[in-house]
Amino acid sequence: MSDNPIIPPSQENFVDADNVVGIGEEEVHDIPDDIGNVVGGEEDEVHEVSPCIANAKKKPRVLFEKNKKPKSSTTLVIQDKITKIAESAASFTSMKQGEVTIKEVMDMVLECGAVHGSDEHDIATQLFVKKDQREMFKTLPKEFRFNWLKRRYNDKYGN
């Protein structure tokens, strides 16, 4: 007799010591003895048994655990691209912090000896619109900057 008033006594599930699962007195299903045993140094696959409904006439199903599929080439490509984007974003942030502004570079042009309206000042206004030219100019020592501007002017206008 069941302590639970909802479950009638004929539908109680029980498990005995012989690995036999019984549902009332009507159906008996054997559970294989080798589930979870180690054979040849390797474990068997884990089996999952679906719950048994007491008044159903179906046997419980045994579901074999599916192994994970290896990553497909598309997944690997996407993962690689995301990694590159993340690295690119991190380097862009660090480069942006060390960015040289046009105003800063034009102040350096005046400090190195180029006068407003001179050929060197004019070529600087054209060159330093581009970030890479500003960075190049900033890396030069102060004593070479004026000559560098003079050469850029001569390269462009052939004087």
Protein backbone atom coordinates (compact mmCIF):
# COMPACT_ATOMS: atom_id res chain seq x y z
CA MET A 1 0.00 0.00 0.00
CA SER A 2 1.27 3.42 -0.90
CA ASP A 3 1.72 6.25 1.56
CA ASN A 4 0.76 8.61 -1.24
CA PRO A 5 -3.04 8.76 -1.62
CA ILE A 6 -2.75 9.88 -5.26
CA ILE A 7 -0.92 6.78 -6.54
CA PRO A 8 -3.01 3.60 -6.34
CA PRO A 9 -1.16 0.55 -5.02
CA SER A 10 -1.28 -1.32 -8.34
CA GLN A 11 0.72 1.40 -10.13
CA GLU A 12 3.64 1.80 -7.73
CA ASN A 13 7.12 1.61 -9.29
CA PHE A 14 9.63 -0.59 -7.56
CA VAL A 15 13.18 -1.76 -8.13
CA ASP A 16 14.37 -5.03 -6.67
CA ALA A 17 17.92 -6.26 -6.05
CA ASP A 18 18.04 -8.27 -9.31
CA ASN A 19 18.12 -5.13 -11.52
CA VAL A 20 14.51 -5.65 -12.54
CA VAL A 21 12.22 -2.68 -12.81
CA GLY A 22 8.61 -3.54 -12.31
CA ILE A 23 5.43 -1.59 -12.79
CA GLY A 24 2.79 -3.09 -10.64
CA GLU A 25 2.62 -6.78 -11.49
CA GLU A 26 1.99 -6.38 -15.23
CA GLU A 27 5.26 -5.50 -17.04
CA VAL A 28 8.87 -6.32 -16.22
CA HIS A 29 11.86 -4.86 -18.08
CA ASP A 30 15.45 -5.94 -17.58
CA ILE A 31 18.18 -3.35 -17.26
CA PRO A 32 21.41 -4.54 -18.93
CA ASP A 33 24.16 -5.42 -16.44
CA ASP A 34 26.94 -3.83 -18.50
CA ILE A 35 25.68 -0.22 -18.44
CA GLY A 36 28.47 2.02 -17.20
CA ASN A 37 31.01 -0.81 -16.94
CA VAL A 38 34.57 -0.39 -18.10
CA VAL A 39 35.42 -2.76 -20.96
CA GLY A 40 38.94 -2.87 -22.38
CA GLY A 41 39.99 0.27 -20.53
CA GLU A 42 37.24 2.41 -22.04
CA GLU A 43 33.91 3.34 -20.53
CA ASP A 44 30.72 2.39 -22.31
CA GLU A 45 28.45 5.15 -23.50
CA VAL A 46 26.09 6.53 -20.90
CA HIS A 47 22.52 5.36 -21.43
CA GLU A 48 19.55 7.43 -20.46
CA VAL A 49 16.22 5.76 -19.86
CA SER A 50 13.08 7.80 -20.37
CA PRO A 51 10.67 7.86 -17.45
CA CYS A 52 8.04 5.17 -17.55
CA ILE A 53 4.40 6.16 -17.26
CA ALA A 54 2.59 3.64 -15.10
CA ASN A 55 -0.49 3.17 -17.25
CA ALA A 56 1.32 3.20 -20.61
CA LYS A 57 1.88 -0.05 -22.48
CA LYS A 58 5.15 1.08 -24.10
CA LYS A 59 8.53 -0.13 -22.95
CA PRO A 60 10.96 2.54 -21.75
CA ARG A 61 13.27 3.83 -24.48
CA VAL A 62 17.02 3.79 -24.07
CA LEU A 63 18.66 6.94 -25.48
CA PHE A 64 22.33 6.73 -26.33
CA GLU A 65 24.33 9.87 -25.62
CA LYS A 66 25.35 11.49 -28.88
CA ASN A 67 28.98 12.47 -29.25
CA LYS A 68 29.72 16.10 -30.06
CA LYS A 69 30.35 16.82 -33.70
CA PRO A 70 33.74 18.28 -34.54
CA LYS A 71 33.66 21.95 -35.46
CA SER A 72 32.91 22.50 -39.10
CA SER A 73 35.19 24.55 -41.30
CA THR A 74 32.62 27.37 -41.40
CA THR A 75 32.63 27.55 -37.62
CA LEU A 76 36.43 27.69 -37.54
CA VAL A 77 36.50 30.44 -40.17
CA ILE A 78 33.95 32.53 -38.27
CA GLN A 79 35.84 32.01 -35.01
CA ASP A 80 39.10 33.07 -36.68
CA LYS A 81 37.49 36.21 -38.16
CA ILE A 82 35.99 37.19 -34.80
CA THR A 83 39.39 36.82 -33.16
CA LYS A 84 40.99 39.04 -35.82
CA ILE A 85 38.25 41.66 -35.41
CA ALA A 86 38.75 41.70 -31.64
CA GLU A 87 42.53 42.10 -32.02
CA SER A 88 42.02 44.83 -34.60
CA ALA A 89 39.62 46.70 -32.34
CA ALA A 90 42.07 46.51 -29.44
CA SER A 91 44.97 47.82 -31.54
CA PHE A 92 42.78 50.58 -33.03
CA THR A 93 41.91 51.80 -29.55
CA SER A 94 45.57 51.92 -28.53
CA MET A 95 46.55 53.71 -31.76
CA LYS A 96 43.78 56.25 -31.33
CA GLN A 97 45.11 57.24 -27.92
CA GLY A 98 48.53 58.09 -29.40
CA GLU A 99 47.10 59.94 -32.42
CA VAL A 100 48.80 63.12 -33.62
CA THR A 101 46.46 65.96 -34.52
CA ILE A 102 46.95 68.31 -37.47
CA LYS A 103 47.23 71.28 -35.10
CA GLU A 104 50.06 69.63 -33.15
CA VAL A 105 51.99 68.82 -36.32
CA MET A 106 51.50 72.29 -37.81
CA ASP A 107 52.86 73.76 -34.56
CA MET A 108 55.92 71.51 -35.02
CA VAL A 109 56.25 72.81 -38.60
CA LEU A 110 56.41 76.39 -37.31
CA GLU A 111 58.89 75.39 -34.57
CA CYS A 112 61.27 73.78 -37.08
CA GLY A 113 61.58 77.04 -39.03
CA ALA A 114 58.90 76.95 -41.74
CA VAL A 115 57.25 80.37 -41.97
CA HIS A 116 53.58 80.90 -42.84
CA GLY A 117 53.26 81.14 -46.63
CA SER A 118 56.61 79.45 -47.35
CA ASP A 119 56.94 76.45 -49.66
CA GLU A 120 57.65 74.19 -46.69
CA HIS A 121 54.56 75.38 -44.81
CA ASP A 122 52.44 74.92 -47.95
CA ILE A 123 53.59 71.34 -48.54
CA ALA A 124 52.99 70.58 -44.84
CA THR A 125 49.34 71.67 -45.18
CA GLN A 126 48.95 69.21 -48.06
CA LEU A 127 50.88 66.32 -46.52
CA PHE A 128 49.53 66.37 -43.00
CA VAL A 129 45.95 65.76 -44.00
CA LYS A 130 47.05 62.12 -44.01
CA LYS A 131 47.61 60.49 -40.64
CA ASP A 132 50.62 58.41 -41.72
CA GLN A 133 52.44 61.55 -42.92
CA ARG A 134 51.78 63.27 -39.57
CA GLU A 135 53.14 60.26 -37.69
CA MET A 136 56.22 60.12 -39.93
CA PHE A 137 56.94 63.81 -39.36
CA LYS A 138 56.58 63.42 -35.60
CA THR A 139 59.15 60.60 -35.50
CA LEU A 140 61.84 62.75 -37.13
CA PRO A 141 64.31 64.62 -34.91
CA LYS A 142 63.69 68.38 -34.77
CA GLU A 143 66.83 69.26 -36.77
CA PHE A 144 65.74 67.08 -39.76
CA ARG A 145 62.10 68.18 -40.01
CA PHE A 146 62.67 71.37 -42.05
CA ASN A 147 64.89 69.57 -44.59
CA TRP A 148 62.32 66.76 -44.83
CA LEU A 149 59.62 69.30 -45.71
CA LYS A 150 61.94 70.94 -48.26
CA ARG A 151 62.56 67.55 -49.92
CA ARG A 152 58.84 66.73 -50.04
CA TYR A 153 58.23 70.07 -51.76
CA ASN A 154 61.02 69.42 -54.29
CA ASP A 155 59.73 65.89 -54.95
CA LYS A 156 56.28 67.21 -55.74
CA TYR A 157 57.13 70.37 -57.68
CA GLY A 158 60.58 69.42 -59.05
CA ASN A 159 62.59 72.43 -57.91
